[in-house]
C-alpha atoms as a PDB file:
ATOM      1  CA  MET A   1     -27.805 -13.799 -65.254  1.00  0.00           C
ATOM      2  CA  PRO A   2     -25.631 -11.296 -67.251  1.00  0.00           C
ATOM      3  CA  THR A   3     -24.316 -12.664 -70.166  1.00  0.00           C
ATOM      4  CA  ASN A   4     -20.786 -11.009 -69.583  1.00  0.00           C
ATOM      5  CA  SER A   5     -19.812 -12.049 -66.432  1.00  0.00           C
ATOM      6  CA  ALA A   6     -16.451 -10.039 -66.592  1.00  0.00           C
ATOM      7  CA  ARG A   7     -17.865  -6.801 -65.777  1.00  0.00           C
ATOM      8  CA  ARG A   8     -19.239  -8.477 -62.844  1.00  0.00           C
ATOM      9  CA  TRP A   9     -16.444 -10.381 -61.368  1.00  0.00           C
ATOM     10  CA  PRO A  10     -12.770  -9.244 -61.482  1.00  0.00           C
ATOM     11  CA  SER A  11     -10.323 -11.731 -62.611  1.00  0.00           C
ATOM     12  CA  SER A  12      -7.627 -13.373 -60.610  1.00  0.00           C
ATOM     13  CA  ARG A  13      -4.856 -10.947 -61.392  1.00  0.00           C
ATOM     14  CA  ASN A  14      -7.137  -8.061 -60.489  1.00  0.00           C
ATOM     15  CA  THR A  15      -8.429  -9.604 -57.125  1.00  0.00           C
ATOM     16  CA  ALA A  16      -4.669 -10.415 -56.312  1.00  0.00           C
ATOM     17  CA  ASP A  17      -3.794  -6.728 -57.170  1.00  0.00           C
ATOM     18  CA  ALA A  18      -6.358  -5.717 -54.919  1.00  0.00           C
ATOM     19  CA  TYR A  19      -5.093  -7.669 -52.174  1.00  0.00           C
ATOM     20  CA  SER A  20      -1.577  -6.694 -52.140  1.00  0.00           C
ATOM     21  CA  ARG A  21      -2.333  -3.177 -51.754  1.00  0.00           C
ATOM     22  CA  ASP A  22      -4.123  -4.077 -48.321  1.00  0.00           C
ATOM     23  CA  VAL A  23      -0.792  -5.251 -46.844  1.00  0.00           C
ATOM     24  CA  PRO A  24       1.225  -2.199 -45.591  1.00  0.00           C
ATOM     25  CA  GLY A  25       5.055  -2.239 -46.942  1.00  0.00           C
ATOM     26  CA  PRO A  26       7.969  -0.928 -44.722  1.00  0.00           C
ATOM     27  CA  VAL A  27       7.985   2.223 -43.728  1.00  0.00           C
ATOM     28  CA  LYS A  28      11.311   3.783 -44.541  1.00  0.00           C
ATOM     29  CA  GLY A  29      13.113   5.191 -42.080  1.00  0.00           C
ATOM     30  CA  PHE A  30      11.403   3.021 -39.291  1.00  0.00           C
ATOM     31  CA  ASP A  31      13.568   0.998 -37.001  1.00  0.00           C
ATOM     32  CA  PRO A  32      11.570  -1.306 -34.469  1.00  0.00           C
ATOM     33  CA  GLN A  33      14.470  -1.453 -32.236  1.00  0.00           C
ATOM     34  CA  ARG A  34      14.854   2.375 -31.765  1.00  0.00           C
ATOM     35  CA  ASP A  35      13.475   3.768 -28.506  1.00  0.00           C
ATOM     36  CA  HIS A  36      13.797   7.044 -28.458  1.00  0.00           C
ATOM     37  CA  ASP A  37      12.926   9.969 -30.583  1.00  0.00           C
ATOM     38  CA  PRO A  38      15.439  11.278 -32.774  1.00  0.00           C
ATOM     39  CA  ALA A  39      14.060  14.898 -33.057  1.00  0.00           C
ATOM     40  CA  ALA A  40      14.358  15.113 -29.172  1.00  0.00           C
ATOM     41  CA  VAL A  41      17.875  13.361 -29.219  1.00  0.00           C
ATOM     42  CA  ARG A  42      18.924  15.685 -31.841  1.00  0.00           C
ATOM     43  CA  ALA A  43      17.420  18.804 -30.088  1.00  0.00           C
ATOM     44  CA  TRP A  44      18.860  18.007 -26.309  1.00  0.00           C
ATOM     45  CA  ALA A  45      22.544  17.698 -28.301  1.00  0.00           C
ATOM     46  CA  SER A  46      21.993  20.950 -30.086  1.00  0.00           C
ATOM     47  CA  SER A  47      20.799  22.517 -26.122  1.00  0.00           C
ATOM     48  CA  THR A  48      24.094  21.026 -25.289  1.00  0.00           C
ATOM     49  CA  GLY A  49      26.504  21.784 -27.092  1.00  0.00           C
ATOM     50  CA  VAL A  50      26.940  17.894 -28.659  1.00  0.00           C
ATOM     51  CA  THR A  51      27.633  18.266 -32.159  1.00  0.00           C
ATOM     52  CA  LEU A  52      25.784  15.878 -34.593  1.00  0.00           C
ATOM     53  CA  PRO A  53      25.036  15.483 -38.134  1.00  0.00           C
ATOM     54  CA  GLY A  54      21.539  16.722 -39.202  1.00  0.00           C
ATOM     55  CA  ARG A  55      20.839  13.517 -40.697  1.00  0.00           C
ATOM     56  CA  GLY A  56      21.569   9.953 -40.497  1.00  0.00           C
ATOM     57  CA  ARG A  57      22.058   7.360 -37.572  1.00  0.00           C
ATOM     58  CA  ILE A  58      22.625   8.684 -34.155  1.00  0.00           C
ATOM     59  CA  PRO A  59      25.513   7.342 -32.332  1.00  0.00           C
ATOM     60  CA  LYS A  60      24.851   4.899 -29.321  1.00  0.00           C
ATOM     61  CA  ALA A  61      27.366   6.768 -26.868  1.00  0.00           C
ATOM     62  CA  ILE A  62      24.928  10.107 -27.698  1.00  0.00           C
ATOM     63  CA  VAL A  63      21.623   8.145 -27.096  1.00  0.00           C
ATOM     64  CA  GLU A  64      23.066   7.017 -23.750  1.00  0.00           C
ATOM     65  CA  ARG A  65      24.241  10.395 -22.790  1.00  0.00           C
ATOM     66  CA  PHE A  66      20.275  11.186 -23.393  1.00  0.00           C
ATOM     67  CA  TYR A  67      19.181   9.011 -21.261  1.00  0.00           C
ATOM     68  CA  ALA A  68      21.567   9.742 -18.697  1.00  0.00           C
ATOM     69  CA  ALA A  69      20.840  12.950 -18.795  1.00  0.00           C
ATOM     70  CA  GLY A  70      17.318  12.572 -17.350  1.00  0.00           C
ATOM     71  CA  TYR A  71      15.033  11.917 -21.002  1.00  0.00           C
END
């Protein structure tokens, strides 16, 4: 039996840190309720002349027009 058990077994603090790293955190910019690809909507909007900002939330009315166009 080893005399220094701290080298063989991690402390409870280290074990808790190891377990907390296994749990994924929230993904930046991820919206679980979004059912469209923003890049596809922006590409469609630019090809049809619809003005959209390059960043930020896409208005619901634009997304509805995107789906009404058959996408």
